[in-house]
Amino acid sequence: MLALASEIGLRPLAGRCHLGLGRLHRSASSLQAAEAHLTTARTMLAEMRMEFWLAQADAELEQLSTLHRSTS
């Protein structure tokens, strides 16, 4: 879905795909992949001013930060 959204220029969908992938990687403890997807999602959602989804990306990044601190 992400590749198709990117290919046809559906940036809102691509941003939400990155958010979903970030959540998935965080729950699977793949912290580096989670951070990459969530950071991309946050950037895209902020650029498009998608405030609802941006708040969710920020919350996910905060949870990821908490995980990083607990594993250090």
N, C-alpha and C. Protein backbone atom coordinates (compact mmCIF):
# COMPACT_ATOMS: atom_id res chain seq x y z
N MET A 1 0.82 -1.18 0.00
CA MET A 1 0.00 0.00 0.00
C MET A 1 0.87 1.26 0.00
N LEU A 2 1.94 1.24 0.80
CA LEU A 2 2.83 2.40 0.86
C LEU A 2 3.45 2.69 -0.50
N ALA A 3 3.92 1.67 -1.18
CA ALA A 3 4.55 1.87 -2.49
C ALA A 3 3.55 2.45 -3.49
N LEU A 4 2.34 1.94 -3.48
CA LEU A 4 1.31 2.45 -4.39
C LEU A 4 0.94 3.88 -4.04
N ALA A 5 0.75 4.18 -2.77
CA ALA A 5 0.42 5.54 -2.35
C ALA A 5 1.51 6.51 -2.77
N SER A 6 2.75 6.12 -2.60
CA SER A 6 3.87 6.97 -2.99
C SER A 6 3.93 7.15 -4.51
N GLU A 7 3.70 6.07 -5.21
CA GLU A 7 3.77 6.09 -6.67
C GLU A 7 2.73 7.02 -7.29
N ILE A 8 1.53 7.02 -6.75
CA ILE A 8 0.47 7.84 -7.36
C ILE A 8 0.26 9.17 -6.63
N GLY A 9 1.14 9.49 -5.70
CA GLY A 9 1.12 10.81 -5.07
C GLY A 9 0.08 11.00 -3.98
N LEU A 10 -0.34 9.94 -3.33
CA LEU A 10 -1.29 10.07 -2.22
C LEU A 10 -0.52 10.24 -0.91
N ARG A 11 0.01 11.43 -0.73
CA ARG A 11 0.85 11.69 0.45
C ARG A 11 0.12 11.47 1.78
N PRO A 12 -1.17 11.85 1.90
CA PRO A 12 -1.84 11.58 3.18
C PRO A 12 -1.87 10.08 3.51
N LEU A 13 -2.15 9.26 2.52
CA LEU A 13 -2.16 7.82 2.73
C LEU A 13 -0.76 7.31 3.04
N ALA A 14 0.22 7.81 2.34
CA ALA A 14 1.61 7.39 2.59
C ALA A 14 2.02 7.76 4.01
N GLY A 15 1.66 8.93 4.47
CA GLY A 15 1.97 9.34 5.84
C GLY A 15 1.34 8.41 6.87
N ARG A 16 0.08 8.05 6.61
CA ARG A 16 -0.61 7.14 7.53
C ARG A 16 -0.04 5.74 7.45
N CYS A 17 0.44 5.32 6.29
CA CYS A 17 1.10 4.01 6.17
C CYS A 17 2.37 3.99 7.01
N HIS A 18 3.15 5.06 6.94
CA HIS A 18 4.37 5.13 7.76
C HIS A 18 4.02 5.08 9.25
N LEU A 19 2.94 5.75 9.63
CA LEU A 19 2.50 5.71 11.02
C LEU A 19 2.15 4.28 11.42
N GLY A 20 1.39 3.60 10.60
CA GLY A 20 1.03 2.21 10.90
C GLY A 20 2.22 1.28 10.96
N LEU A 21 3.15 1.46 10.03
CA LEU A 21 4.36 0.63 10.05
C LEU A 21 5.20 0.93 11.28
N GLY A 22 5.26 2.18 11.67
CA GLY A 22 5.99 2.54 12.89
C GLY A 22 5.39 1.88 14.12
N ARG A 23 4.06 1.89 14.19
CA ARG A 23 3.38 1.22 15.31
C ARG A 23 3.68 -0.27 15.31
N LEU A 24 3.61 -0.87 14.15
CA LEU A 24 3.86 -2.31 14.03
C LEU A 24 5.28 -2.65 14.47
N HIS A 25 6.26 -1.90 14.00
CA HIS A 25 7.65 -2.17 14.38
C HIS A 25 7.88 -1.92 15.87
N ARG A 26 7.23 -0.88 16.43
CA ARG A 26 7.38 -0.63 17.86
C ARG A 26 6.84 -1.80 18.66
N SER A 27 5.67 -2.30 18.29
CA SER A 27 5.09 -3.41 19.04
C SER A 27 5.90 -4.70 18.89
N ALA A 28 6.67 -4.81 17.80
CA ALA A 28 7.53 -5.97 17.58
C ALA A 28 8.94 -5.73 18.13
N SER A 29 9.13 -4.62 18.81
CA SER A 29 10.43 -4.24 19.40
C SER A 29 11.53 -4.04 18.36
N SER A 30 11.16 -3.69 17.15
CA SER A 30 12.13 -3.29 16.11
C SER A 30 12.26 -1.77 16.19
N LEU A 31 12.99 -1.32 17.19
CA LEU A 31 12.97 0.09 17.54
C LEU A 31 13.56 1.00 16.48
N GLN A 32 14.61 0.56 15.79
CA GLN A 32 15.21 1.41 14.75
C GLN A 32 14.26 1.59 13.58
N ALA A 33 13.63 0.52 13.15
CA ALA A 33 12.66 0.61 12.05
C ALA A 33 11.47 1.45 12.47
N ALA A 34 11.02 1.27 13.71
CA ALA A 34 9.89 2.05 14.22
C ALA A 34 10.22 3.54 14.19
N GLU A 35 11.41 3.88 14.67
CA GLU A 35 11.81 5.28 14.70
C GLU A 35 11.87 5.88 13.29
N ALA A 36 12.39 5.12 12.34
CA ALA A 36 12.49 5.62 10.97
C ALA A 36 11.10 5.90 10.39
N HIS A 37 10.18 4.96 10.54
CA HIS A 37 8.83 5.14 9.99
C HIS A 37 8.08 6.25 10.73
N LEU A 38 8.18 6.29 12.05
CA LEU A 38 7.45 7.30 12.81
C LEU A 38 7.98 8.70 12.54
N THR A 39 9.28 8.83 12.37
CA THR A 39 9.86 10.13 12.05
C THR A 39 9.40 10.60 10.67
N THR A 40 9.39 9.68 9.72
CA THR A 40 8.90 10.02 8.38
C THR A 40 7.43 10.40 8.44
N ALA A 41 6.64 9.62 9.17
CA ALA A 41 5.21 9.92 9.31
C ALA A 41 5.01 11.29 9.92
N ARG A 42 5.75 11.59 10.98
CA ARG A 42 5.59 12.87 11.66
C ARG A 42 5.91 14.02 10.72
N THR A 43 6.99 13.90 9.97
CA THR A 43 7.38 14.94 9.03
C THR A 43 6.31 15.16 7.98
N MET A 44 5.85 14.07 7.38
CA MET A 44 4.84 14.18 6.33
C MET A 44 3.53 14.77 6.86
N LEU A 45 3.08 14.28 8.00
CA LEU A 45 1.82 14.74 8.56
C LEU A 45 1.89 16.21 8.98
N ALA A 46 3.04 16.62 9.49
CA ALA A 46 3.21 18.03 9.86
C ALA A 46 3.19 18.92 8.61
N GLU A 47 3.87 18.49 7.56
CA GLU A 47 3.89 19.27 6.31
C GLU A 47 2.49 19.45 5.74
N MET A 48 1.65 18.43 5.91
CA MET A 48 0.29 18.48 5.36
C MET A 48 -0.72 19.04 6.36
N ARG A 49 -0.24 19.38 7.55
CA ARG A 49 -1.09 19.93 8.61
C ARG A 49 -2.25 19.00 8.97
N MET A 50 -1.95 17.74 9.06
CA MET A 50 -2.94 16.72 9.44
C MET A 50 -2.84 16.54 10.96
N GLU A 51 -3.44 17.47 11.68
CA GLU A 51 -3.26 17.59 13.13
C GLU A 51 -3.67 16.33 13.90
N PHE A 52 -4.78 15.71 13.54
CA PHE A 52 -5.23 14.52 14.25
C PHE A 52 -4.19 13.41 14.17
N TRP A 53 -3.71 13.14 12.97
CA TRP A 53 -2.73 12.07 12.76
C TRP A 53 -1.36 12.48 13.29
N LEU A 54 -1.05 13.76 13.23
CA LEU A 54 0.22 14.26 13.77
C LEU A 54 0.29 14.00 15.28
N ALA A 55 -0.82 14.25 15.97
CA ALA A 55 -0.86 13.99 17.41
C ALA A 55 -0.63 12.51 17.71
N GLN A 56 -1.15 11.64 16.87
CA GLN A 56 -0.93 10.22 17.07
C GLN A 56 0.53 9.84 16.82
N ALA A 57 1.13 10.43 15.81
CA ALA A 57 2.55 10.17 15.53
C ALA A 57 3.41 10.65 16.69
N ASP A 58 3.08 11.81 17.24
CA ASP A 58 3.83 12.32 18.38
C ASP A 58 3.70 11.39 19.59
N ALA A 59 2.49 10.87 19.82
CA ALA A 59 2.28 9.94 20.93
C ALA A 59 3.08 8.66 20.73
N GLU A 60 3.12 8.17 19.51
CA GLU A 60 3.90 6.97 19.21
C GLU A 60 5.39 7.22 19.43
N LEU A 61 5.87 8.36 18.99
CA LEU A 61 7.28 8.69 19.19
C LEU A 61 7.61 8.83 20.67
N GLU A 62 6.68 9.34 21.45
CA GLU A 62 6.88 9.44 22.90
C GLU A 62 6.97 8.06 23.52
N GLN A 63 6.10 7.14 23.11
CA GLN A 63 6.16 5.77 23.62
C GLN A 63 7.47 5.11 23.21
N LEU A 64 7.91 5.38 22.01
CA LEU A 64 9.18 4.82 21.54
C LEU A 64 10.33 5.36 22.37
N SER A 65 10.28 6.64 22.67
CA SER A 65 11.31 7.26 23.51
C SER A 65 11.36 6.60 24.88
N THR A 66 10.20 6.31 25.43
CA THR A 66 10.12 5.63 26.73
C THR A 66 10.75 4.24 26.65
N LEU A 67 10.49 3.53 25.54
CA LEU A 67 11.09 2.21 25.35
C LEU A 67 12.61 2.30 25.26
N HIS A 68 13.10 3.32 24.53
CA HIS A 68 14.55 3.50 24.40
C HIS A 68 15.17 3.74 25.76
N ARG A 69 14.53 4.55 26.60
CA ARG A 69 15.07 4.84 27.93
C ARG A 69 15.07 3.59 28.81
N SER A 70 14.04 2.76 28.69
CA SER A 70 13.96 1.57 29.54
C SER A 70 14.93 0.48 29.11
N THR A 71 15.35 0.48 27.85
CA THR A 71 16.29 -0.54 27.38
C THR A 71 17.75 -0.08 27.49
N SER A 72 17.95 1.15 27.86
CA SER A 72 19.33 1.67 27.97
C SER A 72 19.93 1.36 29.32
